[in-house]
C-alpha cells in the first residue's frame, strides 16, 4: 500500500484486498510466529488459533499503516472493512454461541456477517466521530461524504435506500425498525431490494449503461 502510494503524487484511489485472514487456517504454516493461546477447553481448535494469530498480525499491520499516513503531508482517507466472520470449525462456533447449528435463529445467523469497519483520515474533516451500523454496499457513499465529494445519482439512490434498509447481507436485510427479513418474504419494503437488484445489474453488466449516473459530480 505504501509503495503504491509513494509511486505517484497524483490523487489516488487504491482498493486493496488482503487474503491473509480468509483461510484455510493451517497451523503448520505458522512456524516462527507466536500463536495466540486459547483457553484449555478450546486448544483443539487449531484453525481458531491460526485465525486469531493472523488477526493479531493484521492489527499490527494496520497500526503501522495508519502511523505512516499520520506523517505524510497529503490528505489521506482510509476505509478498512471485512465482509464476514471466519469459516472456522462449526463446533467452536456452536460452543461460543451456546447453541447447535439447528438452534441458531435467522436473526442470530446475521451475526456471522457482523464485522467492524473504520473510516479514518490524517486530517480534521470537521466531523464528530460516530458509530453507525451499516453494510458494505453503503460504505462508498459514506466515504464520498467524508471526502467532501458530491454523490453520484447511484450514491443518492443508496442513501435513500439506506433510510429504509440500513443493513443488507447475503442472507437477508434489516428494515429501519431493526427487524430482519429474508429475501423470500413478500413485504412492501422488498421493492427496494427488487429495484436494487436492477440497479446492480445495470452498474455491473449492462453494456448500454449510462456512466454519468455512477460518476460523482465534482470528480
N, C-alpha and C. Protein backbone atom coordinates (compact mmCIF):
# COMPACT_ATOMS: atom_id res chain seq x y z
N UNK A 1 0.83 -1.20 0.00
CA UNK A 1 0.00 0.00 0.00
C UNK A 1 0.87 1.25 0.00
N UNK A 2 1.87 1.28 0.87
CA UNK A 2 2.75 2.45 0.97
C UNK A 2 3.54 2.62 -0.31
N UNK A 3 4.02 1.51 -0.87
CA UNK A 3 4.79 1.56 -2.12
C UNK A 3 3.96 2.14 -3.25
N UNK A 4 2.70 1.72 -3.37
CA UNK A 4 1.83 2.25 -4.42
C UNK A 4 1.55 3.73 -4.17
N UNK A 5 1.29 4.09 -2.92
CA UNK A 5 1.01 5.48 -2.57
C UNK A 5 2.18 6.38 -2.93
N UNK A 6 3.40 5.92 -2.65
CA UNK A 6 4.59 6.75 -2.90
C UNK A 6 5.00 6.77 -4.36
N UNK A 7 4.36 5.94 -5.19
CA UNK A 7 4.74 5.87 -6.60
C UNK A 7 4.22 7.05 -7.42
N UNK A 8 3.30 7.83 -6.84
CA UNK A 8 2.73 8.95 -7.60
C UNK A 8 2.30 10.06 -6.65
N UNK A 9 2.45 11.31 -7.11
CA UNK A 9 1.98 12.47 -6.35
C UNK A 9 0.56 12.86 -6.74
N UNK A 10 -0.01 12.18 -7.72
CA UNK A 10 -1.37 12.49 -8.17
C UNK A 10 -2.40 11.89 -7.20
N UNK A 11 -3.62 12.40 -7.23
CA UNK A 11 -4.68 11.79 -6.41
C UNK A 11 -4.83 10.31 -6.76
N UNK A 12 -5.04 9.49 -5.76
CA UNK A 12 -5.12 8.05 -5.97
C UNK A 12 -6.34 7.45 -5.27
N UNK A 13 -6.88 6.42 -5.89
CA UNK A 13 -7.85 5.56 -5.22
C UNK A 13 -7.28 4.15 -5.25
N UNK A 14 -7.00 3.59 -4.11
CA UNK A 14 -6.39 2.26 -4.01
C UNK A 14 -7.39 1.33 -3.33
N UNK A 15 -7.76 0.26 -4.02
CA UNK A 15 -8.64 -0.76 -3.43
C UNK A 15 -7.80 -2.01 -3.24
N UNK A 16 -7.55 -2.35 -2.01
CA UNK A 16 -6.64 -3.46 -1.69
C UNK A 16 -7.40 -4.54 -0.92
N UNK A 17 -7.31 -5.77 -1.40
CA UNK A 17 -7.95 -6.90 -0.73
C UNK A 17 -6.87 -7.81 -0.16
N UNK A 18 -6.91 -8.03 1.15
CA UNK A 18 -5.96 -8.95 1.77
C UNK A 18 -6.63 -10.29 1.98
N UNK A 19 -5.90 -11.36 1.67
CA UNK A 19 -6.42 -12.72 1.84
C UNK A 19 -5.83 -13.40 3.08
N UNK A 20 -5.04 -12.67 3.85
CA UNK A 20 -4.32 -13.28 4.96
C UNK A 20 -5.25 -14.00 5.94
N UNK A 21 -6.40 -13.43 6.19
CA UNK A 21 -7.29 -13.99 7.22
C UNK A 21 -8.48 -14.75 6.63
N UNK A 22 -8.43 -15.03 5.33
CA UNK A 22 -9.59 -15.64 4.69
C UNK A 22 -9.60 -17.16 4.82
N UNK A 23 -8.46 -17.78 5.00
CA UNK A 23 -8.38 -19.24 5.12
C UNK A 23 -7.70 -19.84 3.90
N UNK A 24 -7.41 -21.18 3.98
CA UNK A 24 -7.60 -22.02 5.14
C UNK A 24 -6.61 -21.72 6.25
N UNK A 25 -6.95 -22.19 7.44
CA UNK A 25 -6.19 -21.85 8.63
C UNK A 25 -5.35 -23.04 9.04
N UNK A 26 -4.19 -23.18 8.38
CA UNK A 26 -3.28 -24.29 8.60
C UNK A 26 -2.21 -23.89 9.60
N UNK A 27 -2.31 -24.42 10.80
CA UNK A 27 -1.40 -24.02 11.87
C UNK A 27 0.04 -24.42 11.58
N UNK A 28 0.23 -25.44 10.72
CA UNK A 28 1.58 -25.90 10.39
C UNK A 28 2.35 -24.87 9.60
N UNK A 29 1.63 -23.93 8.97
CA UNK A 29 2.28 -22.89 8.18
C UNK A 29 2.62 -21.65 9.02
N UNK A 30 2.40 -21.76 10.33
CA UNK A 30 2.62 -20.60 11.21
C UNK A 30 3.96 -20.70 11.93
N UNK A 31 4.87 -21.48 11.40
CA UNK A 31 6.19 -21.64 12.04
C UNK A 31 6.88 -20.29 12.18
N UNK A 32 7.41 -20.05 13.38
CA UNK A 32 8.13 -18.80 13.63
C UNK A 32 7.26 -17.68 14.11
N UNK A 33 5.94 -17.88 14.16
CA UNK A 33 5.01 -16.86 14.64
C UNK A 33 4.45 -17.30 16.00
N UNK A 34 4.50 -16.41 16.97
CA UNK A 34 3.96 -16.73 18.29
C UNK A 34 2.44 -16.81 18.20
N UNK A 35 1.89 -17.97 18.56
CA UNK A 35 0.47 -18.19 18.42
C UNK A 35 -0.33 -17.57 19.56
N UNK A 36 -1.53 -17.11 19.24
CA UNK A 36 -2.48 -16.72 20.27
C UNK A 36 -2.88 -17.99 21.02
N UNK A 37 -2.91 -17.93 22.33
CA UNK A 37 -3.20 -19.11 23.13
C UNK A 37 -4.65 -19.09 23.59
N UNK A 38 -5.39 -20.14 23.21
CA UNK A 38 -6.78 -20.27 23.63
C UNK A 38 -6.86 -20.88 25.01
N UNK A 39 -8.00 -20.70 25.66
CA UNK A 39 -8.17 -21.37 26.95
C UNK A 39 -8.16 -22.87 26.74
N UNK A 40 -7.84 -23.60 27.79
CA UNK A 40 -7.55 -25.03 27.67
C UNK A 40 -8.66 -25.82 26.98
N UNK A 41 -9.92 -25.49 27.26
CA UNK A 41 -11.03 -26.24 26.69
C UNK A 41 -11.13 -26.10 25.17
N UNK A 42 -10.47 -25.08 24.61
CA UNK A 42 -10.58 -24.81 23.18
C UNK A 42 -9.28 -25.09 22.43
N UNK A 43 -8.30 -25.66 23.09
CA UNK A 43 -6.97 -25.79 22.47
C UNK A 43 -6.96 -26.74 21.27
N UNK A 44 -7.99 -27.55 21.11
CA UNK A 44 -8.03 -28.46 19.97
C UNK A 44 -8.44 -27.79 18.68
N UNK A 45 -8.92 -26.55 18.77
CA UNK A 45 -9.37 -25.82 17.57
C UNK A 45 -8.20 -25.04 16.97
N UNK A 46 -7.34 -25.77 16.25
CA UNK A 46 -6.12 -25.14 15.71
C UNK A 46 -6.44 -24.08 14.67
N UNK A 47 -7.55 -24.24 13.93
CA UNK A 47 -7.89 -23.23 12.94
C UNK A 47 -8.27 -21.91 13.61
N UNK A 48 -8.91 -21.99 14.78
CA UNK A 48 -9.26 -20.78 15.53
C UNK A 48 -7.98 -20.09 16.03
N UNK A 49 -7.04 -20.89 16.54
CA UNK A 49 -5.75 -20.34 16.98
C UNK A 49 -5.06 -19.62 15.82
N UNK A 50 -5.07 -20.27 14.67
CA UNK A 50 -4.41 -19.69 13.49
C UNK A 50 -5.08 -18.38 13.08
N UNK A 51 -6.41 -18.40 13.03
CA UNK A 51 -7.15 -17.20 12.62
C UNK A 51 -6.87 -16.03 13.57
N UNK A 52 -6.97 -16.28 14.87
CA UNK A 52 -6.77 -15.21 15.84
C UNK A 52 -5.33 -14.69 15.80
N UNK A 53 -4.38 -15.58 15.53
CA UNK A 53 -2.99 -15.14 15.39
C UNK A 53 -2.83 -14.23 14.18
N UNK A 54 -3.47 -14.61 13.08
CA UNK A 54 -3.39 -13.78 11.87
C UNK A 54 -4.08 -12.43 12.07
N UNK A 55 -5.18 -12.43 12.80
CA UNK A 55 -5.86 -11.16 13.10
C UNK A 55 -4.95 -10.25 13.91
N UNK A 56 -4.22 -10.83 14.86
CA UNK A 56 -3.27 -10.02 15.64
C UNK A 56 -2.20 -9.43 14.73
N UNK A 57 -1.70 -10.22 13.77
CA UNK A 57 -0.69 -9.72 12.84
C UNK A 57 -1.28 -8.62 11.96
N UNK A 58 -2.54 -8.77 11.57
CA UNK A 58 -3.20 -7.73 10.76
C UNK A 58 -3.35 -6.45 11.57
N UNK A 59 -3.68 -6.58 12.85
CA UNK A 59 -3.80 -5.41 13.71
C UNK A 59 -2.49 -4.63 13.74
N UNK A 60 -1.39 -5.35 13.82
CA UNK A 60 -0.08 -4.70 13.83
C UNK A 60 0.17 -3.98 12.50
N UNK A 61 -0.22 -4.64 11.41
CA UNK A 61 -0.01 -4.03 10.08
C UNK A 61 -0.85 -2.77 9.91
N UNK A 62 -2.10 -2.82 10.39
CA UNK A 62 -2.98 -1.65 10.31
C UNK A 62 -2.40 -0.50 11.13
N UNK A 63 -1.90 -0.82 12.32
CA UNK A 63 -1.28 0.20 13.16
C UNK A 63 -0.11 0.86 12.43
N UNK A 64 0.73 0.03 11.79
CA UNK A 64 1.87 0.57 11.07
C UNK A 64 1.45 1.42 9.89
N UNK A 65 0.40 1.00 9.19
CA UNK A 65 -0.09 1.75 8.03
C UNK A 65 -0.62 3.12 8.44
N UNK A 66 -1.43 3.16 9.50
CA UNK A 66 -2.01 4.43 9.93
C UNK A 66 -0.94 5.35 10.52
N UNK A 67 0.03 4.76 11.22
CA UNK A 67 1.12 5.59 11.75
C UNK A 67 1.90 6.24 10.60
N UNK A 68 2.07 5.50 9.51
CA UNK A 68 2.75 6.07 8.34
C UNK A 68 1.95 7.24 7.77
N UNK A 69 0.65 7.04 7.57
CA UNK A 69 -0.16 8.08 6.95
C UNK A 69 -0.34 9.29 7.86
N UNK A 70 -0.14 9.13 9.15
CA UNK A 70 -0.18 10.30 10.05
C UNK A 70 0.94 11.28 9.71
N UNK A 71 2.02 10.77 9.14
CA UNK A 71 3.22 11.60 8.93
C UNK A 71 3.29 12.23 7.55
N UNK A 72 2.47 11.79 6.59
CA UNK A 72 2.58 12.32 5.23
C UNK A 72 1.88 13.68 5.16
N UNK A 73 2.30 14.50 4.20
CA UNK A 73 1.76 15.85 4.10
C UNK A 73 0.66 15.96 3.05
N UNK A 74 0.10 14.84 2.64
CA UNK A 74 -1.03 14.81 1.71
C UNK A 74 -2.26 14.30 2.45
N UNK A 75 -3.43 14.86 2.16
CA UNK A 75 -4.65 14.36 2.82
C UNK A 75 -4.96 12.94 2.39
N UNK A 76 -5.23 12.07 3.36
CA UNK A 76 -5.48 10.66 3.08
C UNK A 76 -6.69 10.20 3.90
N UNK A 77 -7.59 9.48 3.26
CA UNK A 77 -8.70 8.82 3.96
C UNK A 77 -8.55 7.32 3.76
N UNK A 78 -8.67 6.58 4.85
CA UNK A 78 -8.54 5.12 4.81
C UNK A 78 -9.84 4.50 5.29
N UNK A 79 -10.37 3.57 4.51
CA UNK A 79 -11.55 2.80 4.91
C UNK A 79 -11.14 1.33 4.98
N UNK A 80 -11.34 0.72 6.13
CA UNK A 80 -10.98 -0.69 6.33
C UNK A 80 -12.23 -1.45 6.75
N UNK A 81 -12.52 -2.55 6.05
CA UNK A 81 -13.72 -3.31 6.39
C UNK A 81 -13.55 -4.77 5.98
N UNK A 82 -14.37 -5.63 6.54
CA UNK A 82 -14.43 -7.03 6.16
C UNK A 82 -15.83 -7.36 5.66
N UNK A 83 -16.01 -8.60 5.18
CA UNK A 83 -17.33 -8.95 4.65
C UNK A 83 -18.02 -10.06 5.42
N UNK A 84 -17.29 -10.82 6.22
CA UNK A 84 -17.94 -11.86 7.04
C UNK A 84 -16.95 -12.37 8.08
N UNK A 85 -17.45 -13.07 9.06
CA UNK A 85 -16.60 -13.69 10.06
C UNK A 85 -15.99 -14.96 9.49
N UNK A 86 -14.96 -15.50 10.12
CA UNK A 86 -14.20 -16.60 9.53
C UNK A 86 -14.96 -17.92 9.47
N UNK A 87 -14.62 -18.72 8.48
CA UNK A 87 -15.22 -20.05 8.36
C UNK A 87 -14.41 -21.08 9.13
N UNK A 88 -14.40 -20.92 10.45
CA UNK A 88 -13.65 -21.86 11.30
C UNK A 88 -14.56 -23.01 11.72
N UNK A 89 -14.00 -23.92 12.52
CA UNK A 89 -14.72 -25.12 12.95
C UNK A 89 -16.10 -24.79 13.52
N UNK A 90 -17.13 -25.40 12.92
CA UNK A 90 -18.50 -25.12 13.34
C UNK A 90 -18.79 -25.50 14.77
N UNK A 91 -18.08 -26.50 15.29
CA UNK A 91 -18.29 -26.91 16.69
C UNK A 91 -17.86 -25.80 17.64
N UNK A 92 -16.79 -25.09 17.29
CA UNK A 92 -16.35 -23.98 18.14
C UNK A 92 -17.37 -22.85 18.12
N UNK A 93 -17.91 -22.58 16.94
CA UNK A 93 -18.93 -21.52 16.83
C UNK A 93 -20.15 -21.88 17.69
N UNK A 94 -20.54 -23.15 17.66
CA UNK A 94 -21.67 -23.58 18.47
C UNK A 94 -21.37 -23.42 19.96
N UNK A 95 -20.13 -23.71 20.36
CA UNK A 95 -19.76 -23.55 21.77
C UNK A 95 -19.82 -22.08 22.18
N UNK A 96 -19.32 -21.21 21.32
CA UNK A 96 -19.30 -19.78 21.64
C UNK A 96 -20.73 -19.24 21.74
N UNK A 97 -21.59 -19.69 20.83
CA UNK A 97 -22.98 -19.20 20.81
C UNK A 97 -23.87 -19.94 21.79
N UNK A 98 -23.40 -21.09 22.27
CA UNK A 98 -24.20 -21.86 23.22
C UNK A 98 -25.40 -22.52 22.58
N UNK A 99 -25.32 -22.75 21.24
CA UNK A 99 -26.44 -23.36 20.51
C UNK A 99 -25.90 -24.24 19.41
N UNK A 100 -26.68 -25.25 19.03
CA UNK A 100 -26.33 -26.04 17.86
C UNK A 100 -26.70 -25.27 16.60
N UNK A 101 -26.20 -25.74 15.48
CA UNK A 101 -26.48 -25.09 14.20
C UNK A 101 -27.98 -25.00 13.94
N UNK A 102 -28.69 -26.07 14.32
CA UNK A 102 -30.13 -26.11 14.09
C UNK A 102 -30.90 -25.15 14.98
N UNK A 103 -30.32 -24.78 16.13
CA UNK A 103 -31.00 -23.91 17.09
C UNK A 103 -30.77 -22.43 16.80
N UNK A 104 -29.80 -22.13 15.96
CA UNK A 104 -29.49 -20.73 15.67
C UNK A 104 -30.62 -20.10 14.86
N UNK A 105 -31.14 -18.98 15.33
CA UNK A 105 -32.25 -18.31 14.66
C UNK A 105 -31.77 -17.53 13.44
N UNK A 106 -32.73 -17.09 12.62
CA UNK A 106 -32.40 -16.31 11.44
C UNK A 106 -31.68 -15.03 11.83
N UNK A 107 -32.17 -14.38 12.91
CA UNK A 107 -31.55 -13.14 13.37
C UNK A 107 -30.11 -13.39 13.84
N UNK A 108 -29.90 -14.50 14.56
CA UNK A 108 -28.56 -14.81 15.05
C UNK A 108 -27.61 -15.17 13.92
N UNK A 109 -28.15 -15.72 12.86
CA UNK A 109 -27.33 -16.06 11.71
C UNK A 109 -26.66 -14.83 11.11
N UNK A 110 -27.34 -13.70 11.22
CA UNK A 110 -26.79 -12.45 10.67
C UNK A 110 -25.50 -12.04 11.36
N UNK A 111 -25.31 -12.51 12.59
CA UNK A 111 -24.09 -12.14 13.32
C UNK A 111 -22.84 -12.65 12.64
N UNK A 112 -22.97 -13.68 11.79
CA UNK A 112 -21.82 -14.19 11.05
C UNK A 112 -21.28 -13.15 10.08
N UNK A 113 -22.09 -12.16 9.78
CA UNK A 113 -21.70 -11.10 8.85
C UNK A 113 -21.48 -9.76 9.56
N UNK A 114 -21.42 -9.81 10.88
CA UNK A 114 -21.21 -8.59 11.67
C UNK A 114 -19.72 -8.42 11.91
N UNK A 115 -19.12 -7.44 11.25
CA UNK A 115 -17.68 -7.20 11.36
C UNK A 115 -17.43 -5.70 11.57
N UNK A 116 -16.35 -5.34 12.23
CA UNK A 116 -16.06 -3.92 12.44
C UNK A 116 -15.51 -3.26 11.17
N UNK A 117 -15.66 -1.95 11.09
CA UNK A 117 -15.07 -1.18 9.99
C UNK A 117 -14.67 0.18 10.53
N UNK A 118 -13.77 0.85 9.84
CA UNK A 118 -13.41 2.21 10.23
C UNK A 118 -13.25 3.06 8.96
N UNK A 119 -13.56 4.34 9.10
CA UNK A 119 -13.21 5.35 8.10
C UNK A 119 -12.37 6.38 8.84
N UNK A 120 -11.12 6.50 8.46
CA UNK A 120 -10.13 7.30 9.20
C UNK A 120 -9.44 8.26 8.25
N UNK A 121 -9.07 9.43 8.73
CA UNK A 121 -8.36 10.40 7.91
C UNK A 121 -7.17 10.97 8.69
N UNK A 122 -6.17 11.41 7.98
CA UNK A 122 -5.00 12.00 8.63
C UNK A 122 -5.12 13.51 8.77
N UNK A 123 -6.34 14.03 8.61
CA UNK A 123 -6.59 15.46 8.77
C UNK A 123 -7.97 15.65 9.40
N UNK A 124 -8.23 16.84 9.88
CA UNK A 124 -9.50 17.14 10.52
C UNK A 124 -10.58 17.34 9.46
N UNK A 125 -11.54 16.42 9.41
CA UNK A 125 -12.61 16.52 8.42
C UNK A 125 -13.76 17.40 8.91
N UNK A 126 -13.64 17.93 10.13
CA UNK A 126 -14.68 18.81 10.65
C UNK A 126 -15.94 18.09 11.05
N UNK A 127 -15.83 16.79 11.30
CA UNK A 127 -17.00 16.00 11.68
C UNK A 127 -16.69 15.21 12.94
N UNK A 128 -17.70 15.06 13.79
CA UNK A 128 -17.51 14.34 15.04
C UNK A 128 -17.47 12.83 14.77
N UNK A 129 -16.63 12.09 15.51
CA UNK A 129 -16.60 10.64 15.36
C UNK A 129 -17.98 10.05 15.67
N UNK A 130 -18.35 9.02 14.93
CA UNK A 130 -19.64 8.39 15.17
C UNK A 130 -19.55 6.89 14.91
N UNK A 131 -20.45 6.16 15.52
CA UNK A 131 -20.58 4.73 15.30
C UNK A 131 -21.89 4.47 14.59
N UNK A 132 -21.83 3.74 13.49
CA UNK A 132 -23.01 3.52 12.67
C UNK A 132 -23.09 2.06 12.25
N UNK A 133 -24.23 1.43 12.51
CA UNK A 133 -24.48 0.09 12.00
C UNK A 133 -24.90 0.21 10.54
N UNK A 134 -24.15 -0.43 9.66
CA UNK A 134 -24.43 -0.32 8.23
C UNK A 134 -23.95 -1.58 7.54
N UNK A 135 -23.89 -1.57 6.22
CA UNK A 135 -23.35 -2.71 5.48
C UNK A 135 -22.45 -2.20 4.37
N UNK A 136 -21.64 -3.10 3.82
CA UNK A 136 -20.57 -2.69 2.92
C UNK A 136 -21.08 -2.00 1.65
N UNK A 137 -22.30 -2.29 1.22
CA UNK A 137 -22.81 -1.66 0.00
C UNK A 137 -23.02 -0.15 0.16
N UNK A 138 -23.07 0.32 1.41
CA UNK A 138 -23.25 1.75 1.66
C UNK A 138 -21.94 2.47 1.96
N UNK A 139 -20.85 1.73 2.13
CA UNK A 139 -19.59 2.36 2.57
C UNK A 139 -19.07 3.35 1.54
N UNK A 140 -19.29 3.07 0.25
CA UNK A 140 -18.82 4.00 -0.78
C UNK A 140 -19.43 5.37 -0.63
N UNK A 141 -20.74 5.40 -0.37
CA UNK A 141 -21.42 6.68 -0.18
C UNK A 141 -20.92 7.39 1.07
N UNK A 142 -20.72 6.64 2.15
CA UNK A 142 -20.19 7.23 3.38
C UNK A 142 -18.80 7.80 3.15
N UNK A 143 -17.99 7.08 2.40
CA UNK A 143 -16.62 7.52 2.14
C UNK A 143 -16.60 8.80 1.32
N UNK A 144 -17.46 8.89 0.30
CA UNK A 144 -17.53 10.10 -0.51
C UNK A 144 -17.96 11.30 0.33
N UNK A 145 -18.91 11.08 1.24
CA UNK A 145 -19.35 12.17 2.12
C UNK A 145 -18.18 12.67 2.96
N UNK A 146 -17.40 11.73 3.52
CA UNK A 146 -16.26 12.13 4.35
C UNK A 146 -15.21 12.88 3.53
N UNK A 147 -15.10 12.52 2.26
CA UNK A 147 -14.10 13.16 1.40
C UNK A 147 -14.58 14.48 0.82
N UNK A 148 -15.86 14.81 1.04
CA UNK A 148 -16.40 16.05 0.51
C UNK A 148 -16.68 15.99 -0.97
N UNK A 149 -16.89 14.79 -1.49
CA UNK A 149 -17.18 14.60 -2.91
C UNK A 149 -18.68 14.45 -3.10
N UNK A 150 -19.24 15.17 -4.06
CA UNK A 150 -20.67 15.09 -4.32
C UNK A 150 -21.09 13.67 -4.71
N UNK A 151 -22.27 13.31 -4.31
CA UNK A 151 -22.76 11.97 -4.63
C UNK A 151 -23.16 11.86 -6.10
N UNK A 152 -22.92 10.69 -6.66
CA UNK A 152 -23.46 10.38 -7.97
C UNK A 152 -24.94 10.04 -7.80
N UNK A 153 -25.65 9.91 -8.91
CA UNK A 153 -27.06 9.52 -8.83
C UNK A 153 -27.20 8.14 -8.18
N UNK A 154 -26.25 7.25 -8.48
CA UNK A 154 -26.26 5.91 -7.87
C UNK A 154 -26.11 6.02 -6.35
N UNK A 155 -25.20 6.86 -5.91
CA UNK A 155 -25.00 7.04 -4.47
C UNK A 155 -26.24 7.66 -3.81
N UNK A 156 -26.90 8.56 -4.51
CA UNK A 156 -28.13 9.15 -3.97
C UNK A 156 -29.20 8.08 -3.78
N UNK A 157 -29.25 7.15 -4.73
CA UNK A 157 -30.20 6.03 -4.60
C UNK A 157 -29.87 5.21 -3.35
N UNK A 158 -28.58 4.93 -3.13
CA UNK A 158 -28.18 4.14 -1.96
C UNK A 158 -28.53 4.86 -0.66
N UNK A 159 -28.32 6.17 -0.64
CA UNK A 159 -28.62 6.93 0.58
C UNK A 159 -30.11 6.85 0.90
N UNK A 160 -30.96 6.93 -0.11
CA UNK A 160 -32.40 6.81 0.11
C UNK A 160 -32.77 5.40 0.56
N UNK A 161 -32.15 4.41 -0.06
CA UNK A 161 -32.42 3.03 0.30
C UNK A 161 -31.98 2.73 1.73
N UNK A 162 -30.88 3.32 2.14
CA UNK A 162 -30.35 3.09 3.48
C UNK A 162 -31.32 3.54 4.57
N UNK A 163 -32.14 4.54 4.27
CA UNK A 163 -33.11 5.01 5.25
C UNK A 163 -34.15 3.94 5.55
N UNK A 164 -34.47 3.12 4.55
CA UNK A 164 -35.47 2.07 4.72
C UNK A 164 -34.84 0.72 5.05
N UNK A 165 -33.66 0.47 4.47
CA UNK A 165 -32.96 -0.80 4.69
C UNK A 165 -31.52 -0.48 5.09
N UNK A 166 -31.28 -0.26 6.37
CA UNK A 166 -29.95 0.17 6.82
C UNK A 166 -28.87 -0.89 6.72
N UNK A 167 -29.25 -2.18 6.67
CA UNK A 167 -28.27 -3.25 6.62
C UNK A 167 -28.73 -4.32 5.63
N UNK A 168 -27.77 -4.82 4.83
CA UNK A 168 -28.07 -5.82 3.81
C UNK A 168 -26.91 -6.80 3.75
N UNK A 169 -27.21 -8.11 3.70
CA UNK A 169 -26.14 -9.09 3.52
C UNK A 169 -26.62 -10.24 2.65
N UNK A 170 -25.85 -11.32 2.59
CA UNK A 170 -26.15 -12.41 1.67
C UNK A 170 -27.41 -13.18 2.05
N UNK A 171 -27.81 -13.12 3.30
CA UNK A 171 -28.96 -13.89 3.77
C UNK A 171 -30.26 -13.09 3.85
N UNK A 172 -30.15 -11.80 4.02
CA UNK A 172 -31.36 -11.00 4.18
C UNK A 172 -31.03 -9.55 4.43
N UNK A 173 -31.98 -8.84 5.00
CA UNK A 173 -31.79 -7.41 5.24
C UNK A 173 -32.58 -6.98 6.46
N UNK A 174 -32.14 -5.86 7.03
CA UNK A 174 -32.80 -5.30 8.21
C UNK A 174 -33.52 -4.02 7.80
N UNK A 175 -34.77 -3.88 8.21
CA UNK A 175 -35.53 -2.66 7.94
C UNK A 175 -35.28 -1.65 9.05
N UNK A 176 -35.78 -0.43 8.85
CA UNK A 176 -35.47 0.65 9.78
C UNK A 176 -36.04 0.41 11.18
N UNK A 177 -36.97 -0.54 11.32
CA UNK A 177 -37.50 -0.89 12.64
C UNK A 177 -36.64 -1.96 13.32
N UNK A 178 -35.45 -2.25 12.73
CA UNK A 178 -34.46 -3.20 13.26
C UNK A 178 -34.96 -4.65 13.23
N UNK A 179 -35.90 -4.94 12.33
CA UNK A 179 -36.39 -6.30 12.15
C UNK A 179 -35.69 -6.90 10.92
N UNK A 180 -35.20 -8.15 11.06
CA UNK A 180 -34.55 -8.83 9.95
C UNK A 180 -35.57 -9.57 9.08
N UNK A 181 -35.32 -9.56 7.78
CA UNK A 181 -36.20 -10.24 6.82
C UNK A 181 -35.36 -11.06 5.86
N UNK A 182 -35.89 -12.19 5.42
CA UNK A 182 -35.23 -12.97 4.38
C UNK A 182 -35.66 -12.44 3.02
N UNK A 183 -34.91 -12.79 2.00
CA UNK A 183 -35.24 -12.32 0.65
C UNK A 183 -36.50 -12.98 0.11
N UNK A 184 -36.92 -14.07 0.75
CA UNK A 184 -38.11 -14.78 0.28
C UNK A 184 -39.41 -14.11 0.72
N UNK A 185 -39.33 -13.24 1.72
CA UNK A 185 -40.53 -12.58 2.21
C UNK A 185 -41.09 -11.62 1.16
N UNK A 186 -42.39 -11.50 1.13
CA UNK A 186 -43.04 -10.59 0.16
C UNK A 186 -43.71 -9.46 0.92
N UNK A 187 -42.90 -8.56 1.46
CA UNK A 187 -43.43 -7.39 2.15
C UNK A 187 -43.16 -6.17 1.29
N UNK A 188 -43.86 -5.11 1.57
CA UNK A 188 -43.81 -3.92 0.71
C UNK A 188 -42.39 -3.38 0.55
N UNK A 189 -41.61 -3.40 1.63
CA UNK A 189 -40.28 -2.82 1.56
C UNK A 189 -39.37 -3.60 0.62
N UNK A 190 -39.75 -4.84 0.27
CA UNK A 190 -38.94 -5.64 -0.64
C UNK A 190 -38.78 -4.97 -2.01
N UNK A 191 -39.64 -4.00 -2.33
CA UNK A 191 -39.49 -3.29 -3.60
C UNK A 191 -38.12 -2.63 -3.68
N UNK A 192 -37.60 -2.19 -2.54
CA UNK A 192 -36.26 -1.62 -2.53
C UNK A 192 -35.24 -2.67 -2.98
N UNK A 193 -35.41 -3.90 -2.51
CA UNK A 193 -34.49 -4.97 -2.89
C UNK A 193 -34.61 -5.26 -4.39
N UNK A 194 -35.84 -5.29 -4.87
CA UNK A 194 -36.09 -5.53 -6.30
C UNK A 194 -35.42 -4.44 -7.15
N UNK A 195 -35.63 -3.19 -6.77
CA UNK A 195 -35.02 -2.08 -7.51
C UNK A 195 -33.50 -2.11 -7.41
N UNK A 196 -33.00 -2.48 -6.23
CA UNK A 196 -31.55 -2.54 -6.01
C UNK A 196 -30.91 -3.57 -6.93
N UNK A 197 -31.55 -4.71 -7.10
CA UNK A 197 -31.02 -5.74 -8.00
C UNK A 197 -30.95 -5.23 -9.44
N UNK A 198 -31.95 -4.47 -9.84
CA UNK A 198 -31.95 -3.90 -11.19
C UNK A 198 -30.79 -2.92 -11.35
N UNK A 199 -30.62 -2.05 -10.35
CA UNK A 199 -29.55 -1.06 -10.41
C UNK A 199 -28.18 -1.75 -10.40
N UNK A 200 -28.04 -2.79 -9.57
CA UNK A 200 -26.79 -3.54 -9.52
C UNK A 200 -26.46 -4.13 -10.88
N UNK A 201 -27.45 -4.74 -11.52
CA UNK A 201 -27.22 -5.34 -12.84
C UNK A 201 -26.79 -4.27 -13.84
N UNK A 202 -27.48 -3.15 -13.80
CA UNK A 202 -27.14 -2.07 -14.72
C UNK A 202 -25.72 -1.59 -14.49
N UNK A 203 -25.31 -1.48 -13.23
CA UNK A 203 -23.97 -0.97 -12.90
C UNK A 203 -22.88 -1.95 -13.30
N UNK A 204 -23.14 -3.24 -13.16
CA UNK A 204 -22.08 -4.24 -13.32
C UNK A 204 -22.04 -4.90 -14.70
N UNK A 205 -23.20 -5.10 -15.33
CA UNK A 205 -23.23 -5.94 -16.52
C UNK A 205 -23.85 -5.31 -17.77
N UNK A 206 -24.62 -4.27 -17.60
CA UNK A 206 -25.33 -3.69 -18.74
C UNK A 206 -24.35 -2.93 -19.64
N UNK A 207 -24.15 -3.42 -20.84
CA UNK A 207 -23.18 -2.80 -21.77
C UNK A 207 -23.68 -1.45 -22.29
N UNK A 208 -24.97 -1.17 -22.13
CA UNK A 208 -25.52 0.09 -22.61
C UNK A 208 -25.76 1.09 -21.48
N UNK A 209 -25.21 0.82 -20.31
CA UNK A 209 -25.47 1.70 -19.17
C UNK A 209 -24.88 3.09 -19.41
N UNK A 210 -25.52 4.08 -18.84
CA UNK A 210 -25.05 5.46 -18.93
C UNK A 210 -24.16 5.73 -17.72
N UNK A 211 -22.87 5.89 -17.97
CA UNK A 211 -21.90 6.02 -16.88
C UNK A 211 -22.11 7.27 -16.04
N UNK A 212 -22.80 8.26 -16.58
CA UNK A 212 -22.95 9.52 -15.84
C UNK A 212 -23.69 9.33 -14.52
N UNK A 213 -24.52 8.28 -14.43
CA UNK A 213 -25.28 8.04 -13.20
C UNK A 213 -24.40 7.50 -12.07
N UNK A 214 -23.19 7.08 -12.42
CA UNK A 214 -22.33 6.43 -11.43
C UNK A 214 -21.08 7.24 -11.10
N UNK A 215 -20.93 8.39 -11.74
CA UNK A 215 -19.73 9.21 -11.54
C UNK A 215 -20.09 10.41 -10.67
N UNK A 216 -19.39 10.64 -9.55
CA UNK A 216 -19.64 11.81 -8.72
C UNK A 216 -19.52 13.11 -9.53
N UNK A 217 -20.28 14.10 -9.16
CA UNK A 217 -20.40 15.32 -9.96
C UNK A 217 -19.13 16.15 -10.00
N UNK A 218 -18.38 16.17 -8.88
CA UNK A 218 -17.22 17.07 -8.81
C UNK A 218 -15.89 16.32 -8.84
N UNK A 219 -15.86 15.19 -9.57
CA UNK A 219 -14.61 14.45 -9.72
C UNK A 219 -14.06 14.64 -11.13
